[in-house]
Amino acid sequence: MYAFTDPARADEEFALAEQLLAGLDQRATALTLKVAALAREAGTLTDLEGARALRAEIHAAGITSAEAVFELALALHHAVLGEHDKVRSVIHRLHELAQRGDYAYYADVAHYMAGLPLPDPSPTTWLDGPDAVRTRWRRLVQDRQTRISGICTVNGGSSSRK
């Protein structure tokens, strides 16, 4: 709208938009949506073939941020199911991704979701402190477990989502 009413202000808005959208494309957006769907279904997925295919697609696209968020969504799934060995595998992949740049704190979050202790003191500084962050992420998993157990009870022991 500023392009019509205030061209000088529009220049500022365009500059901000270009900065925020730099490097983004529709492929990244589509992958982000698929990862969000995976997170939505965490704890209820019965077939992880689609997740494996999504991991390969994201890796082929070379979008590190999508890889990190994908692994975090997978950590949520395994944490909800209490699959600590699988969460540890995800944590290992998160550490590998963190060596390429950002996202080191995602490994901490994966530990927190699963209720696993950190192996070493974290270099991450949390605004609310690590205990508050751990509690929030663990509660997220516990709430999901409670909701899923309610779905299973209502549906006679099996989840309605595939």
Protein backbone atom coordinates (compact mmCIF):
# COMPACT_ATOMS: atom_id res chain seq x y z
CA MET A 1 0.00 0.00 0.00
CA TYR A 2 2.89 2.38 0.75
CA ALA A 3 3.93 2.08 -2.90
CA PHE A 4 0.72 3.98 -3.72
CA THR A 5 0.48 6.36 -0.78
CA ASP A 6 4.02 7.05 0.46
CA PRO A 7 6.81 6.12 -1.99
CA ALA A 8 9.56 7.15 0.44
CA ARG A 9 8.18 4.84 3.12
CA ALA A 10 7.69 2.15 0.47
CA ASP A 11 11.43 2.24 -0.23
CA GLU A 12 12.09 1.38 3.43
CA GLU A 13 9.50 -1.39 3.36
CA PHE A 14 10.91 -2.83 0.13
CA ALA A 15 14.41 -2.83 1.57
CA LEU A 16 13.20 -4.66 4.67
CA ALA A 17 11.21 -7.16 2.59
CA GLU A 18 14.19 -7.84 0.34
CA GLN A 19 16.37 -8.41 3.38
CA LEU A 20 13.86 -10.79 4.97
CA LEU A 21 13.22 -12.70 1.74
CA ALA A 22 16.84 -12.94 0.59
CA GLY A 23 17.64 -16.54 -0.25
CA LEU A 24 14.07 -17.76 0.11
CA ASP A 25 12.19 -19.45 -2.65
CA GLN A 26 9.01 -21.42 -3.03
CA ARG A 27 10.89 -24.68 -2.57
CA ALA A 28 12.03 -23.62 0.88
CA THR A 29 8.49 -22.60 1.76
CA ALA A 30 7.07 -25.91 0.53
CA LEU A 31 9.64 -27.86 2.55
CA THR A 32 8.88 -25.78 5.64
CA LEU A 33 5.20 -26.66 5.26
CA LYS A 34 6.04 -30.37 5.00
CA VAL A 35 8.19 -30.16 8.13
CA ALA A 36 5.37 -28.38 9.97
CA ALA A 37 3.04 -31.24 8.98
CA LEU A 38 5.56 -33.73 10.36
CA ALA A 39 5.68 -31.83 13.66
CA ARG A 40 1.87 -31.69 13.75
CA GLU A 41 1.74 -35.48 13.42
CA ALA A 42 4.58 -36.16 15.88
CA GLY A 43 3.77 -39.11 18.07
CA THR A 44 1.06 -40.44 15.77
CA LEU A 45 3.06 -41.34 12.67
CA THR A 46 2.97 -45.04 11.95
CA ASP A 47 5.08 -44.99 8.78
CA LEU A 48 8.28 -42.99 8.67
CA GLU A 49 9.00 -43.64 4.99
CA GLY A 50 7.50 -40.25 4.15
CA ALA A 51 9.78 -38.64 6.74
CA ARG A 52 12.83 -40.37 5.26
CA ALA A 53 11.86 -39.14 1.80
CA LEU A 54 11.38 -35.62 3.18
CA ARG A 55 14.84 -35.74 4.80
CA ALA A 56 16.37 -36.71 1.46
CA GLU A 57 14.47 -33.96 -0.36
CA ILE A 58 15.58 -31.33 2.16
CA HIS A 59 19.18 -32.53 2.05
CA ALA A 60 19.19 -32.45 -1.75
CA ALA A 61 17.86 -28.89 -1.65
CA GLY A 62 20.77 -27.92 0.60
CA ILE A 63 18.64 -25.87 2.98
CA THR A 64 20.41 -26.30 6.32
CA SER A 65 17.73 -24.48 8.28
CA ALA A 66 15.09 -26.88 6.96
CA GLU A 67 17.33 -29.84 7.82
CA ALA A 68 17.67 -28.62 11.40
CA VAL A 69 13.96 -28.00 11.85
CA PHE A 70 13.18 -31.38 10.27
CA GLU A 71 15.45 -33.13 12.77
CA LEU A 72 13.85 -31.20 15.62
CA ALA A 73 10.39 -32.32 14.46
CA LEU A 74 11.65 -35.90 14.30
CA ALA A 75 13.08 -35.54 17.82
CA LEU A 76 9.63 -34.43 18.97
CA HIS A 77 8.07 -37.53 17.39
CA HIS A 78 10.54 -39.89 19.07
CA ALA A 79 10.35 -38.05 22.41
CA VAL A 80 6.56 -38.34 22.44
CA LEU A 81 6.91 -42.07 21.87
CA GLY A 82 9.63 -42.36 24.54
CA GLU A 83 12.16 -43.62 21.98
CA HIS A 84 15.29 -42.27 23.64
CA ASP A 85 17.75 -44.15 21.43
CA LYS A 86 16.14 -42.60 18.35
CA VAL A 87 16.21 -39.16 19.98
CA ARG A 88 19.94 -39.67 20.60
CA SER A 89 20.41 -40.45 16.89
CA VAL A 90 18.61 -37.23 16.01
CA ILE A 91 20.78 -35.33 18.49
CA HIS A 92 23.87 -36.71 16.76
CA ARG A 93 22.58 -35.42 13.39
CA LEU A 94 21.77 -32.05 14.98
CA HIS A 95 25.36 -31.79 16.23
CA GLU A 96 26.60 -32.51 12.71
CA LEU A 97 24.36 -29.77 11.30
CA ALA A 98 25.53 -27.33 13.97
CA GLN A 99 29.12 -27.74 12.76
CA ARG A 100 28.05 -26.11 9.48
CA GLY A 101 26.77 -22.98 11.20
CA ASP A 102 23.85 -22.19 13.44
CA TYR A 103 21.31 -24.33 15.23
CA ALA A 104 23.57 -25.69 17.98
CA TYR A 105 20.84 -25.00 20.52
CA TYR A 106 18.49 -27.43 18.71
CA ALA A 107 20.46 -30.32 20.24
CA ASP A 108 19.73 -28.89 23.70
CA VAL A 109 16.04 -28.64 22.80
CA ALA A 110 16.01 -32.28 21.66
CA HIS A 111 17.57 -33.32 24.99
CA TYR A 112 14.97 -31.26 26.85
CA MET A 113 12.04 -32.72 24.92
CA ALA A 114 13.12 -36.27 25.71
CA GLY A 115 13.98 -35.50 29.33
CA LEU A 116 17.61 -36.47 28.67
CA PRO A 117 20.46 -34.79 30.51
CA LEU A 118 22.94 -32.74 28.53
CA PRO A 119 26.26 -34.62 28.29
CA ASP A 120 28.27 -31.43 28.80
CA PRO A 121 27.49 -27.90 29.89
CA SER A 122 25.81 -26.12 27.02
CA PRO A 123 27.35 -23.04 25.45
CA THR A 124 23.81 -21.79 24.81
CA THR A 125 22.62 -18.92 26.96
CA TRP A 126 18.84 -19.01 27.42
CA LEU A 127 17.04 -15.80 28.34
CA ASP A 128 14.87 -17.60 30.91
CA GLY A 129 17.64 -19.98 31.96
CA PRO A 130 18.04 -23.61 30.95
CA ASP A 131 15.67 -24.99 33.60
CA ALA A 132 12.72 -22.92 32.40
CA VAL A 133 13.45 -23.84 28.78
CA ARG A 134 13.80 -27.53 29.68
CA THR A 135 10.48 -27.43 31.53
CA ARG A 136 8.62 -25.81 28.61
CA TRP A 137 9.93 -28.24 26.00
CA ARG A 138 9.35 -31.27 28.23
CA ARG A 139 5.82 -30.06 29.00
CA LEU A 140 5.15 -29.77 25.26
CA VAL A 141 6.01 -33.46 24.88
CA GLN A 142 3.98 -34.48 27.92
CA ASP A 143 0.95 -32.52 26.70
CA ARG A 144 1.23 -34.25 23.33
CA GLN A 145 1.47 -37.64 25.04
CA THR A 146 -1.65 -36.86 27.07
CA ARG A 147 -3.55 -35.72 23.98
CA ILE A 148 -2.51 -38.81 22.02
CA SER A 149 -3.47 -41.15 24.83
CA GLY A 150 -6.90 -39.48 24.82
CA ILE A 151 -7.20 -40.04 21.07
CA CYS A 152 -6.20 -43.67 21.47
CA THR A 153 -8.74 -44.16 24.25
CA VAL A 154 -11.53 -42.55 22.23
CA ASN A 155 -10.69 -44.63 19.16
CA GLY A 156 -10.48 -47.92 20.98
CA GLY A 157 -6.72 -48.06 21.27
CA SER A 158 -5.63 -46.86 17.86
CA SER A 159 -4.90 -43.40 16.60
CA SER A 160 -7.21 -41.92 14.01
CA ARG A 161 -4.31 -40.19 12.19
CA LYS A 162 -2.07 -41.98 9.77
